[in-house]
């Protein structure tokens, strides 16, 4: 009888445990990916003046990209569980990463504004899927609460490093709560 069928009603069987070294590497990669999507989220506001000038649009029009990016994120949040269920964590993360990378590369080519708006939807979907897939993965690991807290702290690491507050990173790595004004 398959492992999933032998689980009690309403319970899912846990994935097989990883060797200790593989588990540490996968958690480190998850943290690094959250730094990347955190930096990408923070950069969006910095790029606004250049994007407004490049596309010759006003602030209200460029704001459409925030809506489409958020819409992509929400759609990814809804679909990620099914994606992981069908494809598995690795494949789901690979698909999300490739979609995000493709959206970023296409955006770097300065496409027409309508394409830029659609690429922001794809970028939001990629970031949302990476977020959800990593949450799903770490929720199954031993010490899930601590891992998830640290994962989300790494999303904001860029603000401490980029704003001249590298001590924030040291406190996050040690698992201490820090409020830096």
Protein backbone atom coordinates (compact mmCIF):
# COMPACT_ATOMS: atom_id res chain seq x y z
CA UNK A 1 0.00 0.00 0.00
CA UNK A 2 1.44 3.47 -0.90
CA UNK A 3 2.55 5.68 1.96
CA UNK A 4 -0.09 8.31 1.17
CA UNK A 5 -2.87 5.70 1.32
CA UNK A 6 -1.69 4.40 4.68
CA UNK A 7 -1.87 7.84 6.33
CA UNK A 8 -4.88 8.53 8.53
CA UNK A 9 -7.78 10.44 7.03
CA UNK A 10 -6.96 14.15 6.75
CA UNK A 11 -3.24 13.60 7.26
CA UNK A 12 -0.59 13.68 4.62
CA UNK A 13 2.50 11.57 4.82
CA UNK A 14 5.69 13.52 5.40
CA UNK A 15 8.35 13.54 2.71
CA UNK A 16 11.29 11.23 3.32
CA UNK A 17 13.98 12.88 5.45
CA UNK A 18 16.98 14.36 3.69
CA UNK A 19 20.52 13.66 4.81
CA UNK A 20 21.64 16.34 7.26
CA UNK A 21 24.00 18.07 4.81
CA UNK A 22 21.41 18.14 2.02
CA UNK A 23 18.83 19.55 4.43
CA UNK A 24 21.17 22.35 5.50
CA UNK A 25 21.98 23.23 1.89
CA UNK A 26 18.34 23.30 0.86
CA UNK A 27 17.49 25.59 3.77
CA UNK A 28 20.43 27.87 2.89
CA UNK A 29 19.22 28.04 -0.72
CA UNK A 30 15.71 28.90 0.51
CA UNK A 31 17.10 31.74 2.62
CA UNK A 32 19.19 33.02 -0.32
CA UNK A 33 16.16 32.95 -2.63
CA UNK A 34 14.20 35.02 -0.13
CA UNK A 35 16.99 37.61 -0.11
CA UNK A 36 16.76 37.74 -3.92
CA UNK A 37 12.99 38.25 -4.01
CA UNK A 38 13.28 40.76 -1.16
CA UNK A 39 15.85 42.77 -3.10
CA UNK A 40 13.69 42.58 -6.22
CA UNK A 41 10.70 43.86 -4.28
CA UNK A 42 12.72 46.72 -2.84
CA UNK A 43 14.22 47.73 -6.17
CA UNK A 44 10.81 48.22 -7.79
CA UNK A 45 10.33 51.60 -6.12
CA UNK A 46 13.85 52.78 -6.88
CA UNK A 47 13.36 52.10 -10.59
CA UNK A 48 10.12 54.07 -10.87
CA UNK A 49 11.61 57.45 -11.95
CA UNK A 50 13.66 55.78 -14.69
CA UNK A 51 10.68 53.72 -15.88
CA UNK A 52 8.42 56.77 -15.95
CA UNK A 53 11.00 58.61 -18.06
CA UNK A 54 11.71 55.64 -20.35
CA UNK A 55 8.06 54.93 -21.12
CA UNK A 56 6.88 58.55 -21.05
CA UNK A 57 4.01 57.76 -18.66
CA UNK A 58 2.78 59.41 -15.49
CA UNK A 59 2.89 57.98 -11.97
CA UNK A 60 -0.69 56.71 -12.11
CA UNK A 61 -0.02 54.78 -15.31
CA UNK A 62 3.20 53.18 -14.05
CA UNK A 63 1.22 52.18 -10.94
CA UNK A 64 -0.58 49.60 -13.06
CA UNK A 65 2.56 47.49 -12.81
CA UNK A 66 2.16 47.28 -9.03
CA UNK A 67 -1.40 46.03 -9.47
CA UNK A 68 -0.43 43.43 -12.06
CA UNK A 69 2.54 42.25 -10.00
CA UNK A 70 0.33 41.84 -6.94
CA UNK A 71 -2.28 40.01 -9.04
CA UNK A 72 0.40 37.58 -10.23
CA UNK A 73 1.51 37.04 -6.64
CA UNK A 74 -2.06 36.26 -5.53
CA UNK A 75 -2.63 33.84 -8.42
CA UNK A 76 0.62 32.06 -7.53
CA UNK A 77 -0.49 31.83 -3.90
CA UNK A 78 -3.68 30.09 -4.96
CA UNK A 79 -2.03 27.71 -7.44
CA UNK A 80 1.23 26.81 -5.66
CA UNK A 81 -0.22 24.05 -3.50
CA UNK A 82 -1.60 22.26 -6.55
CA UNK A 83 1.66 22.83 -8.43
CA UNK A 84 3.71 21.29 -5.62
CA UNK A 85 1.21 18.44 -5.33
CA UNK A 86 1.51 17.59 -9.02
CA UNK A 87 5.11 18.43 -9.83
CA UNK A 88 6.88 18.24 -6.46
CA UNK A 89 8.85 20.90 -4.66
CA UNK A 90 11.94 20.88 -6.89
CA UNK A 91 10.06 21.07 -10.17
CA UNK A 92 7.67 23.72 -8.85
CA UNK A 93 10.61 25.82 -7.67
CA UNK A 94 12.39 25.33 -10.99
CA UNK A 95 9.30 26.42 -12.96
CA UNK A 96 8.79 29.46 -10.72
CA UNK A 97 12.46 30.42 -10.94
CA UNK A 98 12.54 30.09 -14.73
CA UNK A 99 9.37 32.17 -15.08
CA UNK A 100 10.83 34.86 -12.85
CA UNK A 101 14.20 34.84 -14.62
CA UNK A 102 12.49 35.02 -18.02
CA UNK A 103 10.35 37.94 -16.89
CA UNK A 104 13.38 39.80 -15.54
CA UNK A 105 15.44 39.22 -18.67
CA UNK A 106 12.59 40.32 -20.92
CA UNK A 107 12.05 43.42 -18.75
CA UNK A 108 15.74 44.28 -19.05
CA UNK A 109 15.29 44.46 -22.84
CA UNK A 110 12.92 47.46 -22.38
CA UNK A 111 9.86 46.03 -24.08
CA UNK A 112 6.87 48.19 -25.08
CA UNK A 113 4.81 49.39 -22.12
CA UNK A 114 1.97 46.86 -22.62
CA UNK A 115 4.51 44.00 -22.59
CA UNK A 116 6.15 45.55 -19.51
CA UNK A 117 2.82 45.43 -17.69
CA UNK A 118 2.33 41.76 -18.65
CA UNK A 119 5.89 40.97 -17.57
CA UNK A 120 5.16 42.49 -14.17
CA UNK A 121 2.28 40.00 -13.88
CA UNK A 122 4.66 37.14 -14.71
CA UNK A 123 7.28 38.50 -12.32
CA UNK A 124 4.72 38.72 -9.52
CA UNK A 125 3.64 35.15 -10.25
CA UNK A 126 7.24 33.93 -10.13
CA UNK A 127 7.99 35.67 -6.84
CA UNK A 128 4.71 34.52 -5.32
CA UNK A 129 5.30 30.93 -6.40
CA UNK A 130 8.84 30.91 -5.00
CA UNK A 131 7.50 32.34 -1.73
CA UNK A 132 4.73 29.73 -1.45
CA UNK A 133 6.81 26.75 -2.55
CA UNK A 134 9.54 27.57 -0.04
CA UNK A 135 6.96 28.03 2.70
CA UNK A 136 5.44 24.65 1.84
CA UNK A 137 8.87 23.02 1.85
CA UNK A 138 10.10 24.51 5.13
CA UNK A 139 6.80 23.80 6.87
CA UNK A 140 7.60 20.08 6.49
CA UNK A 141 11.11 20.33 7.97
CA UNK A 142 11.99 19.74 11.63
CA UNK A 143 11.93 23.03 13.52
CA UNK A 144 9.51 24.49 10.98
CA UNK A 145 8.46 27.46 13.11
CA UNK A 146 12.00 28.72 13.55
CA UNK A 147 12.86 28.04 9.89
CA UNK A 148 9.80 29.93 8.65
CA UNK A 149 10.51 32.88 10.96
CA UNK A 150 14.07 33.07 9.67
CA UNK A 151 12.97 32.62 6.07
CA UNK A 152 10.74 35.66 6.29
CA UNK A 153 13.45 37.64 8.06
CA UNK A 154 15.72 37.02 5.08
CA UNK A 155 13.17 38.75 2.83
CA UNK A 156 14.06 42.01 4.58
CA UNK A 157 17.82 41.44 4.84
CA UNK A 158 18.40 43.66 1.82
CA UNK A 159 17.06 46.70 3.66
CA UNK A 160 19.64 46.35 6.41
CA UNK A 161 22.52 45.71 4.05
CA UNK A 162 21.52 48.30 1.44
CA UNK A 163 20.83 51.05 3.97
CA UNK A 164 24.12 50.75 5.81
CA UNK A 165 22.84 48.59 8.64
CA UNK A 166 24.79 45.34 8.23
CA UNK A 167 24.39 44.53 11.94
CA UNK A 168 20.78 43.59 11.23
CA UNK A 169 22.03 40.62 9.22
CA UNK A 170 24.14 39.39 12.13
CA UNK A 171 21.17 39.47 14.48
CA UNK A 172 18.90 37.71 11.97
CA UNK A 173 21.44 34.92 11.53
CA UNK A 174 21.50 34.36 15.27
CA UNK A 175 17.69 34.23 15.41
CA UNK A 176 17.27 37.29 17.59
CA UNK A 177 14.52 39.83 17.09
CA UNK A 178 15.84 43.29 16.27
CA UNK A 179 14.06 46.53 15.56
CA UNK A 180 16.24 49.01 13.71
CA UNK A 181 14.86 52.50 13.19
